N, C-alpha and C. Protein backbone atom coordinates (compact mmCIF):
# COMPACT_ATOMS: atom_id res chain seq x y z
N UNK A 1 110.04 46.33 80.19
CA UNK A 1 109.77 47.58 79.79
C UNK A 1 110.90 47.88 80.02
N UNK A 2 111.77 49.12 80.00
CA UNK A 2 112.67 49.99 80.36
C UNK A 2 111.74 50.67 81.61
N UNK A 3 112.66 50.79 82.89
CA UNK A 3 112.03 51.72 83.68
C UNK A 3 112.36 53.16 83.60
N UNK A 4 111.38 53.54 83.69
CA UNK A 4 111.44 55.65 83.50
C UNK A 4 111.82 55.88 84.67
N UNK A 5 112.76 57.21 84.69
CA UNK A 5 113.79 57.77 85.09
C UNK A 5 113.29 59.60 85.72
N UNK A 6 112.98 59.81 86.76
CA UNK A 6 112.19 61.31 86.76
C UNK A 6 113.83 61.92 86.35
N UNK A 7 114.15 62.62 85.57
CA UNK A 7 115.19 63.06 85.46
C UNK A 7 115.78 64.04 86.71
N UNK A 8 114.49 65.17 86.43
CA UNK A 8 115.19 65.99 87.67
C UNK A 8 115.44 65.43 88.96
N UNK A 9 114.48 64.45 89.68
CA UNK A 9 114.76 63.85 91.01
C UNK A 9 115.85 63.03 90.57
N UNK A 10 116.41 62.81 89.84
CA UNK A 10 117.89 62.04 89.78
C UNK A 10 119.06 62.76 89.77
N UNK A 11 118.83 64.20 89.00
CA UNK A 11 120.10 65.63 89.15
C UNK A 11 120.05 65.56 90.77
N UNK A 12 118.67 65.95 91.13
CA UNK A 12 118.57 66.27 92.69
C UNK A 12 119.56 65.06 93.69
N UNK A 13 119.06 63.87 93.34
CA UNK A 13 119.99 62.78 94.13
C UNK A 13 121.29 63.24 94.35
N UNK A 14 121.31 63.02 93.12
CA UNK A 14 123.36 63.54 92.51
C UNK A 14 124.32 64.28 93.11
N UNK A 15 123.17 65.19 92.78
CA UNK A 15 123.47 66.84 93.39
C UNK A 15 123.71 66.73 95.54
N UNK A 16 122.77 66.53 95.79
CA UNK A 16 122.11 65.85 96.80
C UNK A 16 124.13 65.25 97.50
N UNK A 17 124.05 63.74 96.47
CA UNK A 17 125.60 62.99 97.11
C UNK A 17 126.63 63.58 97.27
N UNK A 18 126.69 64.63 95.82
CA UNK A 18 128.08 65.29 95.81
C UNK A 18 128.25 66.09 97.05
N UNK A 19 127.27 67.29 97.27
CA UNK A 19 127.54 68.16 98.14
C UNK A 19 127.91 67.10 99.77
N UNK A 20 127.47 66.23 99.81
CA UNK A 20 127.57 65.40 101.51
C UNK A 20 129.09 64.34 100.98
N UNK A 21 129.53 64.08 99.41
CA UNK A 21 130.95 63.84 99.51
C UNK A 21 132.27 65.11 99.81
N UNK A 22 131.60 65.82 99.12
CA UNK A 22 132.42 67.07 99.03
C UNK A 22 132.59 67.56 100.20
N UNK A 23 131.87 67.69 101.60
CA UNK A 23 131.58 68.07 102.75
C UNK A 23 132.48 67.21 103.97
N UNK A 24 132.58 66.08 103.41
CA UNK A 24 132.99 64.83 103.76
C UNK A 24 134.30 64.74 104.02
N UNK A 25 134.53 64.28 102.53
CA UNK A 25 135.80 64.22 101.87
C UNK A 25 136.71 66.05 101.27
N UNK A 26 136.12 66.81 101.13
CA UNK A 26 136.57 67.73 100.62
C UNK A 26 136.56 67.98 98.88
N UNK A 27 136.38 69.02 98.66
CA UNK A 27 136.51 69.22 96.83
C UNK A 27 137.10 68.23 96.71
N UNK A 28 138.44 69.00 96.53
CA UNK A 28 139.98 68.50 96.57
C UNK A 28 140.02 67.28 96.06
N UNK A 29 139.73 66.69 96.93
CA UNK A 29 139.98 64.90 97.19
C UNK A 29 138.52 64.49 96.59
N UNK A 30 137.94 64.24 96.48
CA UNK A 30 136.72 63.85 96.47
C UNK A 30 136.79 63.25 94.46
N UNK A 31 135.87 62.40 93.75
CA UNK A 31 135.51 61.77 92.63
C UNK A 31 134.51 61.78 92.61
N UNK A 32 134.07 61.26 91.07
CA UNK A 32 132.97 61.04 90.39
C UNK A 32 132.74 60.24 90.95
N UNK A 33 133.43 58.56 91.02
CA UNK A 33 133.24 57.56 91.63
C UNK A 33 132.73 57.62 92.60
N UNK A 34 132.75 58.60 94.06
CA UNK A 34 132.34 58.75 95.42
C UNK A 34 131.21 59.22 95.47
N UNK A 35 131.23 60.02 94.73
CA UNK A 35 129.56 60.74 94.09
C UNK A 35 128.53 59.50 94.05
N UNK A 36 128.71 58.87 93.10
CA UNK A 36 128.11 57.91 92.26
C UNK A 36 127.77 56.84 93.09
N UNK A 37 129.00 56.36 93.99
CA UNK A 37 128.73 55.59 95.21
C UNK A 37 127.54 55.72 95.91
N UNK A 38 127.85 57.64 96.65
CA UNK A 38 126.92 58.06 97.32
C UNK A 38 125.71 58.02 97.37
N UNK A 39 125.10 57.95 95.86
CA UNK A 39 123.94 58.58 95.38
C UNK A 39 123.51 57.22 94.79
N UNK A 40 124.18 56.09 94.80
CA UNK A 40 123.46 54.39 94.33
C UNK A 40 123.52 54.74 92.95
N UNK A 41 124.05 55.40 92.35
CA UNK A 41 123.88 55.04 90.42
C UNK A 41 125.32 54.74 90.27
N UNK A 42 125.13 54.74 89.08
CA UNK A 42 126.47 54.59 87.76
C UNK A 42 127.07 55.45 87.81
N UNK A 43 128.30 55.73 87.34
CA UNK A 43 129.69 56.70 87.37
C UNK A 43 128.60 57.36 86.33
N UNK A 44 128.51 56.57 85.10
CA UNK A 44 127.93 57.21 84.08
C UNK A 44 126.61 58.34 84.13
N UNK A 45 125.64 58.01 85.14
CA UNK A 45 124.32 58.39 85.30
C UNK A 45 124.83 60.16 85.68
N UNK A 46 125.92 59.87 86.51
CA UNK A 46 126.52 61.14 87.11
C UNK A 46 126.91 62.35 86.14
N UNK A 47 127.59 61.82 85.08
CA UNK A 47 128.25 62.10 83.48
C UNK A 47 126.95 63.06 83.11
N UNK A 48 125.95 62.01 82.69
CA UNK A 48 124.67 61.90 82.20
C UNK A 48 123.93 63.58 82.52
N UNK A 49 124.20 63.83 83.76
CA UNK A 49 123.04 65.35 84.48
C UNK A 49 124.03 65.87 84.64
N UNK A 50 125.30 65.78 85.18
CA UNK A 50 126.91 66.89 85.24
C UNK A 50 127.85 66.59 84.34
N UNK A 51 128.68 67.62 83.73
CA UNK A 51 129.91 67.12 83.25
C UNK A 51 130.82 67.10 83.63
N UNK A 52 131.05 67.53 84.74
CA UNK A 52 132.40 67.03 85.47
C UNK A 52 131.95 67.57 87.17
N UNK A 53 132.85 67.55 88.20
CA UNK A 53 133.01 67.48 89.26
C UNK A 53 132.65 69.44 90.00
N UNK A 54 133.31 70.38 88.96
CA UNK A 54 132.71 71.76 88.91
C UNK A 54 131.74 71.67 88.59
N UNK A 55 130.97 71.36 87.40
CA UNK A 55 129.65 71.18 87.07
C UNK A 55 128.58 71.17 88.30
N UNK A 56 128.99 70.28 88.95
CA UNK A 56 128.15 69.87 90.71
C UNK A 56 128.50 70.92 91.38
N UNK A 57 129.81 71.63 91.49
CA UNK A 57 130.15 72.35 92.99
C UNK A 57 129.05 73.51 91.99
N UNK A 58 128.94 73.89 90.99
CA UNK A 58 128.22 75.24 90.93
C UNK A 58 126.98 75.11 90.66
N UNK A 59 126.24 74.28 90.53
CA UNK A 59 124.87 74.33 90.85
C UNK A 59 124.84 73.91 91.82
N UNK A 60 125.96 73.63 92.90
CA UNK A 60 125.38 73.63 94.67
C UNK A 60 125.20 74.53 95.14
N UNK A 61 126.62 75.57 94.71
CA UNK A 61 126.36 76.78 94.80
C UNK A 61 125.57 77.92 94.31
N UNK A 62 125.06 77.50 92.57
CA UNK A 62 124.02 78.33 91.81
C UNK A 62 122.61 77.90 93.14
N UNK A 63 122.22 76.98 93.18
CA UNK A 63 120.88 76.66 94.31
C UNK A 63 121.12 77.30 95.26
N UNK A 64 121.84 77.89 95.96
CA UNK A 64 122.18 78.18 97.19
C UNK A 64 121.71 79.58 96.96
N UNK A 65 122.58 80.22 95.91
CA UNK A 65 122.66 81.48 95.25
C UNK A 65 121.08 82.01 95.52
N UNK A 66 120.41 81.17 94.42
CA UNK A 66 119.05 81.47 94.52
C UNK A 66 118.01 81.38 95.45
N UNK A 67 118.44 80.03 96.36
CA UNK A 67 117.70 80.30 97.83
C UNK A 67 117.81 81.60 98.62
N UNK A 68 118.76 82.47 98.61
CA UNK A 68 119.68 83.03 98.88
C UNK A 68 118.74 84.61 98.54
N UNK A 69 118.96 84.83 97.43
CA UNK A 69 118.31 85.62 96.32
C UNK A 69 116.69 86.17 96.57
N UNK A 70 116.18 84.92 96.51
CA UNK A 70 114.54 84.65 97.25
C UNK A 70 114.39 85.33 98.75
N UNK A 71 115.95 84.90 99.15
CA UNK A 71 115.36 85.64 100.79
C UNK A 71 115.50 87.12 101.08
N UNK A 72 116.72 87.97 100.10
CA UNK A 72 116.64 89.19 100.30
C UNK A 72 115.38 89.58 99.59
N UNK A 73 115.14 88.95 98.29
CA UNK A 73 113.87 89.53 98.13
C UNK A 73 112.66 89.65 98.76
N UNK A 74 112.30 88.73 99.53
CA UNK A 74 111.48 88.77 100.42
C UNK A 74 111.37 89.61 101.83
N UNK A 75 112.22 89.92 102.08
CA UNK A 75 112.68 90.99 103.49
C UNK A 75 112.28 92.32 102.56
N UNK A 76 112.51 92.52 101.40
CA UNK A 76 111.50 93.75 101.12
C UNK A 76 109.83 94.13 101.22
N UNK A 77 109.42 92.66 100.81
CA UNK A 77 107.76 92.71 101.09
C UNK A 77 107.56 91.98 102.62
N UNK A 78 108.76 91.88 103.13
CA UNK A 78 108.19 91.21 105.16
C UNK A 78 107.47 92.63 105.44
N UNK A 79 106.22 92.51 105.88
CA UNK A 79 105.44 93.72 106.74
C UNK A 79 106.33 93.86 107.57
N UNK A 80 106.07 95.12 107.82
CA UNK A 80 106.38 96.10 109.39
C UNK A 80 107.67 97.23 109.14
N UNK A 81 108.11 97.43 110.00
CA UNK A 81 109.42 98.79 109.51
C UNK A 81 111.19 98.26 108.96
N UNK A 82 111.84 99.13 109.24
CA UNK A 82 113.37 98.79 108.54
C UNK A 82 113.63 97.19 109.60
N UNK A 83 113.20 98.11 110.76
CA UNK A 83 113.62 97.20 112.21
C UNK A 83 113.18 95.62 112.47
N UNK A 84 111.77 95.77 112.07
CA UNK A 84 111.09 94.28 111.69
C UNK A 84 111.81 93.54 110.47
N UNK A 85 112.52 94.06 109.56
CA UNK A 85 112.74 93.58 108.76
C UNK A 85 114.17 93.10 108.20
N UNK A 86 114.65 93.68 109.23
CA UNK A 86 116.62 93.39 109.49
C UNK A 86 116.27 92.11 110.17
N UNK A 87 115.46 92.22 111.33
CA UNK A 87 115.33 91.14 112.33
C UNK A 87 115.17 90.02 111.24
N UNK A 88 113.55 90.08 110.70
CA UNK A 88 113.53 88.96 109.91
C UNK A 88 114.54 88.21 108.79
N UNK A 89 115.21 89.17 108.49
CA UNK A 89 116.77 88.67 107.50
C UNK A 89 117.52 88.08 108.25
N UNK A 90 118.21 88.62 109.56
CA UNK A 90 119.00 87.88 110.29
C UNK A 90 118.16 86.60 110.61
N UNK A 91 117.17 86.29 111.62
CA UNK A 91 116.26 84.80 111.78
C UNK A 91 116.22 84.00 110.05
N UNK A 92 116.04 84.93 109.19
CA UNK A 92 115.76 83.69 107.95
C UNK A 92 116.93 83.41 107.41
N UNK A 93 118.29 84.06 107.47
CA UNK A 93 119.40 84.15 106.89
C UNK A 93 120.02 83.16 107.63
N UNK A 94 119.74 82.56 109.20
CA UNK A 94 120.42 82.09 109.92
C UNK A 94 119.32 80.15 109.47
N UNK A 95 118.30 80.29 109.77
CA UNK A 95 117.56 79.29 109.24
C UNK A 95 118.06 78.58 108.04
N UNK A 96 118.49 79.54 106.74
CA UNK A 96 118.55 79.07 105.59
C UNK A 96 119.94 78.40 105.88
N UNK A 97 120.76 78.81 106.59
CA UNK A 97 122.54 78.36 106.68
C UNK A 97 122.86 77.31 107.62
N UNK A 98 121.52 76.94 108.48
CA UNK A 98 121.19 75.80 109.13
C UNK A 98 120.88 75.07 108.46
N UNK A 99 120.03 74.74 107.66
CA UNK A 99 119.75 74.09 106.74
C UNK A 99 120.51 73.45 105.43
N UNK A 100 121.95 73.92 105.40
CA UNK A 100 122.60 73.88 104.52
C UNK A 100 124.35 73.51 105.36
N UNK A 101 124.04 72.83 106.19
CA UNK A 101 125.41 72.37 107.00
C UNK A 101 126.50 71.96 106.23
N UNK A 102 125.57 70.87 105.31
CA UNK A 102 127.05 70.49 104.30
C UNK A 102 127.75 71.73 103.39
N UNK A 103 126.58 72.04 102.54
CA UNK A 103 126.71 73.57 101.61
C UNK A 103 128.34 74.29 102.18
N UNK A 104 127.62 74.62 103.03
CA UNK A 104 128.39 75.87 104.42
C UNK A 104 129.95 74.99 104.45
N UNK A 105 129.78 73.80 104.62
CA UNK A 105 131.24 73.32 105.03
C UNK A 105 132.32 73.15 103.56
N UNK A 106 131.26 72.84 102.45
CA UNK A 106 131.64 73.05 101.00
C UNK A 106 132.24 74.70 100.72
N UNK A 107 131.30 75.12 101.13
CA UNK A 107 131.93 76.76 100.84
C UNK A 107 133.16 77.12 101.61
N UNK A 108 133.25 76.62 102.87
CA UNK A 108 134.41 77.11 103.30
C UNK A 108 135.58 76.23 103.11
N UNK A 109 135.86 75.02 102.36
CA UNK A 109 136.94 74.73 101.94
C UNK A 109 137.21 75.24 100.35
N UNK A 110 135.87 75.38 99.82
CA UNK A 110 136.50 75.69 98.59
C UNK A 110 137.07 76.95 98.92
N UNK A 111 136.70 77.99 99.69
CA UNK A 111 137.16 79.36 99.96
C UNK A 111 138.41 79.40 100.17
N UNK A 112 139.07 78.40 101.45
CA UNK A 112 140.05 78.36 101.87
C UNK A 112 141.15 77.82 100.98
N UNK A 113 140.43 77.38 100.06
CA UNK A 113 141.76 76.72 98.59
C UNK A 113 142.16 78.22 97.83
N UNK A 114 141.60 79.36 98.10
CA UNK A 114 142.52 80.33 97.55
C UNK A 114 142.83 80.55 96.20
N UNK A 115 143.79 80.93 95.87
CA UNK A 115 144.03 80.94 93.80
C UNK A 115 143.58 79.50 93.61
N UNK A 116 143.42 78.33 93.91
CA UNK A 116 142.71 77.14 93.37
C UNK A 116 141.58 77.22 93.36
N UNK A 117 140.55 78.56 94.24
CA UNK A 117 139.12 77.69 93.84
C UNK A 117 138.63 78.24 92.15
N UNK A 118 137.85 77.78 92.05
CA UNK A 118 137.21 78.42 90.38
C UNK A 118 136.84 79.91 90.84
N UNK A 119 137.28 80.40 89.82
CA UNK A 119 136.64 81.95 89.36
C UNK A 119 135.87 82.72 89.56
N UNK A 120 134.19 81.99 89.39
CA UNK A 120 133.23 82.13 89.27
C UNK A 120 132.51 82.00 91.08
N UNK A 121 133.45 81.57 91.57
CA UNK A 121 132.64 81.87 93.16
C UNK A 121 133.38 83.47 93.62
N UNK A 122 132.06 83.95 93.47
CA UNK A 122 132.77 85.32 94.15
C UNK A 122 131.65 85.94 95.65
N UNK A 123 132.12 85.29 96.52
CA UNK A 123 132.28 85.63 97.96
C UNK A 123 131.83 87.26 97.95
N UNK A 124 132.64 87.89 97.59
CA UNK A 124 133.08 89.73 97.86
C UNK A 124 131.78 90.00 97.58
N UNK A 125 131.01 89.54 96.21
CA UNK A 125 129.71 90.05 95.62
C UNK A 125 128.70 89.23 96.58
N UNK A 126 128.70 88.41 97.00
CA UNK A 126 127.67 87.27 97.92
C UNK A 126 127.53 88.74 99.13
N UNK A 127 128.73 88.57 99.65
CA UNK A 127 128.59 89.81 100.94
C UNK A 127 128.44 90.75 100.32
N UNK A 128 128.22 91.51 99.53
CA UNK A 128 128.46 92.93 99.17
C UNK A 128 126.88 93.03 99.08
N UNK A 129 125.74 91.96 98.41
CA UNK A 129 124.66 92.20 98.27
C UNK A 129 123.79 91.74 99.72
N UNK A 130 124.35 91.12 100.49
CA UNK A 130 123.65 91.14 101.95
C UNK A 130 123.80 92.17 102.62
N UNK A 131 125.49 92.62 102.43
CA UNK A 131 125.40 94.34 103.50
C UNK A 131 124.76 95.34 102.76
N UNK A 132 124.71 95.64 101.24
CA UNK A 132 123.51 96.47 100.58
C UNK A 132 122.63 96.27 101.63
N UNK A 133 121.48 95.07 101.53
CA UNK A 133 120.40 95.21 102.02
C UNK A 133 119.87 95.60 103.41
N UNK A 134 121.28 95.20 104.62
CA UNK A 134 120.96 95.63 105.83
C UNK A 134 121.47 96.91 105.23
N UNK A 135 122.76 97.53 105.13
CA UNK A 135 122.26 99.01 105.32
C UNK A 135 121.31 99.90 104.85
N UNK A 136 121.26 98.80 104.04
CA UNK A 136 119.65 100.22 103.01
C UNK A 136 118.30 99.97 104.10
N UNK A 137 118.42 98.73 105.02
CA UNK A 137 117.26 99.21 106.36
C UNK A 137 118.30 99.89 107.20
N UNK A 138 119.27 99.72 107.29
CA UNK A 138 119.41 100.69 108.30
C UNK A 138 119.47 102.03 108.04
N UNK A 139 119.42 102.19 106.92
CA UNK A 139 119.67 103.86 106.62
C UNK A 139 117.98 104.38 106.51
N UNK A 140 117.02 103.05 106.48
CA UNK A 140 115.51 103.75 106.09
C UNK A 140 115.72 103.92 108.04
N UNK A 141 116.01 103.16 108.24
CA UNK A 141 115.40 103.08 109.78
C UNK A 141 116.04 104.20 110.36
N UNK A 142 117.62 104.95 110.01
CA UNK A 142 118.14 106.13 110.28
C UNK A 142 117.36 107.78 109.97
N UNK A 143 116.79 107.13 109.29
CA UNK A 143 116.26 108.23 108.61
C UNK A 143 115.10 109.28 109.26
N UNK A 144 114.34 108.38 110.03
CA UNK A 144 113.48 108.39 111.36
C UNK A 144 113.94 108.59 112.89
N UNK A 145 115.59 109.19 113.02
CA UNK A 145 115.37 109.08 114.28
C UNK A 145 116.66 109.66 113.54
N UNK A 146 117.84 109.62 115.18
CA UNK A 146 118.97 110.10 115.43
C UNK A 146 119.76 109.69 114.86
N UNK A 147 121.10 110.82 114.59
CA UNK A 147 121.79 110.17 114.01
C UNK A 147 122.62 108.80 114.60
N UNK A 148 122.89 107.64 113.95
CA UNK A 148 123.46 106.48 114.41
C UNK A 148 124.40 106.69 115.07
N UNK A 149 124.91 105.62 116.03
CA UNK A 149 126.28 105.48 116.82
C UNK A 149 126.91 105.03 115.55
N UNK A 150 126.37 104.44 115.01
CA UNK A 150 127.72 103.32 113.80
C UNK A 150 126.99 103.40 112.57
N UNK A 151 128.39 104.53 111.54
CA UNK A 151 127.59 104.56 110.47
C UNK A 151 126.72 103.15 109.85
N UNK A 152 125.99 102.61 108.54
CA UNK A 152 124.94 101.57 108.65
C UNK A 152 126.24 101.09 108.16
N UNK A 153 126.80 101.35 106.79
CA UNK A 153 128.03 100.06 106.15
C UNK A 153 128.88 99.59 107.17
N UNK A 154 129.12 100.33 108.04
CA UNK A 154 130.09 99.30 109.16
C UNK A 154 129.24 98.46 109.88
N UNK A 155 127.58 99.06 110.51
CA UNK A 155 126.97 98.34 111.03
C UNK A 155 126.97 96.92 110.65
N UNK A 156 126.52 96.98 108.95
CA UNK A 156 125.96 96.03 108.00
C UNK A 156 127.51 95.37 107.92
N UNK A 157 128.52 95.12 107.64
CA UNK A 157 129.91 94.40 107.50
C UNK A 157 129.79 93.59 109.10
N UNK A 158 129.43 94.56 110.12
CA UNK A 158 129.56 94.00 111.56
C UNK A 158 128.33 93.09 111.35
N UNK A 159 127.17 93.04 110.97
CA UNK A 159 126.30 92.21 111.54
C UNK A 159 126.30 90.26 110.74
N UNK A 160 127.01 90.89 108.96
CA UNK A 160 127.43 90.18 108.48
C UNK A 160 128.22 89.08 108.63
N UNK A 161 129.27 89.69 109.25
CA UNK A 161 130.29 89.20 110.23
C UNK A 161 130.06 88.30 111.34
N UNK A 162 128.91 88.71 112.06
CA UNK A 162 128.50 88.41 113.07
C UNK A 162 128.04 86.54 113.05
N UNK A 163 127.36 87.21 111.45
CA UNK A 163 126.43 85.99 111.27
C UNK A 163 127.46 84.84 111.11
N UNK A 164 128.04 85.04 109.50
CA UNK A 164 129.34 84.60 109.89
C UNK A 164 130.37 83.74 110.58
N UNK A 165 130.94 84.91 111.75
CA UNK A 165 131.32 83.99 113.04
C UNK A 165 130.57 82.64 113.18
N UNK A 166 129.23 82.97 114.17
CA UNK A 166 128.50 82.07 114.25
C UNK A 166 128.36 80.83 113.49
N UNK A 167 128.38 80.89 112.55
CA UNK A 167 128.45 79.85 111.38
C UNK A 167 129.85 78.85 111.08
N UNK A 168 130.79 79.76 111.32
CA UNK A 168 132.15 79.24 111.34
C UNK A 168 132.22 78.32 112.53
N UNK A 169 131.78 79.41 113.87
CA UNK A 169 131.99 78.16 115.20
C UNK A 169 130.71 77.10 115.24
N UNK A 170 129.98 77.28 114.47
CA UNK A 170 129.14 75.80 114.28
C UNK A 170 129.84 74.92 113.39
N UNK A 171 130.07 75.13 112.55
CA UNK A 171 131.01 74.30 111.74
C UNK A 171 131.88 73.53 112.05
N UNK A 172 132.68 74.40 113.21
CA UNK A 172 133.92 73.44 114.02
C UNK A 172 133.52 72.89 114.85
N UNK A 173 132.74 73.55 115.72
CA UNK A 173 132.71 73.16 117.34
C UNK A 173 131.64 72.58 117.20
N UNK A 174 131.22 71.13 117.67
CA UNK A 174 130.20 70.38 117.85
C UNK A 174 128.96 70.54 119.26
N UNK A 175 129.71 71.41 119.91
CA UNK A 175 128.83 71.50 121.32
C UNK A 175 128.36 73.48 120.80
N UNK A 176 127.91 73.60 119.41
CA UNK A 176 127.77 75.15 118.77
C UNK A 176 126.33 74.60 118.31
N UNK A 177 125.31 75.27 118.95
CA UNK A 177 124.26 74.78 117.99
C UNK A 177 123.78 76.50 116.93
N UNK A 178 123.57 76.09 116.33
CA UNK A 178 123.10 77.51 115.36
C UNK A 178 121.72 78.65 115.37
N UNK A 179 120.97 77.72 116.03
CA UNK A 179 119.61 78.24 116.41
C UNK A 179 119.70 78.81 117.59
N UNK A 180 119.85 78.55 118.17
CA UNK A 180 119.91 79.03 119.87
C UNK A 180 121.17 80.59 120.07
N UNK A 181 121.45 80.81 118.78
CA UNK A 181 122.16 82.66 118.32
C UNK A 181 121.42 83.28 117.79
N UNK A 182 120.35 82.66 116.93
CA UNK A 182 119.48 83.53 116.71
C UNK A 182 119.05 84.95 117.42
N UNK A 183 118.26 84.35 118.67
CA UNK A 183 117.82 85.79 118.83
C UNK A 183 118.86 86.52 120.04
N UNK A 184 119.97 86.08 120.21
CA UNK A 184 121.53 87.00 120.55
C UNK A 184 121.97 87.42 119.59
N UNK A 185 121.75 87.01 118.46
CA UNK A 185 122.36 87.86 117.27
C UNK A 185 121.41 89.23 116.77
N UNK A 186 119.93 89.07 116.79
CA UNK A 186 118.91 89.95 116.41
C UNK A 186 118.93 91.47 117.77
N UNK A 187 119.11 90.67 119.01
CA UNK A 187 118.65 91.77 120.26
C UNK A 187 120.22 92.82 120.38
N UNK A 188 121.84 91.53 119.69
CA UNK A 188 122.73 92.63 120.01
C UNK A 188 122.73 93.72 118.45
N UNK A 189 122.26 93.05 117.50
CA UNK A 189 122.61 93.73 115.95
C UNK A 189 121.52 93.92 115.34
N UNK A 190 120.09 94.00 115.67
CA UNK A 190 119.09 94.75 115.14
C UNK A 190 119.05 96.19 115.93
N UNK A 191 118.83 97.33 115.26
CA UNK A 191 118.96 98.56 116.51
C UNK A 191 116.97 98.46 116.48
N UNK A 192 116.79 98.75 117.88
CA UNK A 192 114.96 98.49 118.22
C UNK A 192 114.39 99.84 117.24
N UNK A 193 112.97 99.67 117.22
CA UNK A 193 112.70 100.88 116.09
C UNK A 193 112.41 101.84 116.82
N UNK A 194 112.80 102.96 116.16
CA UNK A 194 113.08 104.03 115.90
C UNK A 194 111.93 105.29 116.32
């Protein structure tokens, strides 16, 4: 009797293998055969779950976008005032990124491809969404305080840039650990309670 395969588990196995291969070899240099070998499946099994390399890449980024969207939604439900929710956002975003090292590496690889990257990767929209949440928390906080030293939109851009800068250093320099940078980010970039 043929063995039943959990299609969703197989799909996740292949997707995880694709992310590892893309991170190790670069997206442009990766082949379906490499992904199948990494996943321990036949090449045809990859095509049964995903129609192409680009479909694999898109599924990986859709998963990250879903996790990121859930995190942003959770910020609004998190207890406490704006400063506490912003600190939560910084901590949770860093934790999410720390758990996605290979995918962060792939994102950097694809982003650096410039005009050759898929049109559906909207990094500007991704950053805009994070900046809007941060700026909203800062504006909410500032409504009960004196005029801010820095405009909320500029503060949001710096905060998101600081997180990204830490992630880039973590990806390039094996001596940099992401976890120990969380509290310095919160201390430097989250204004204290009004």
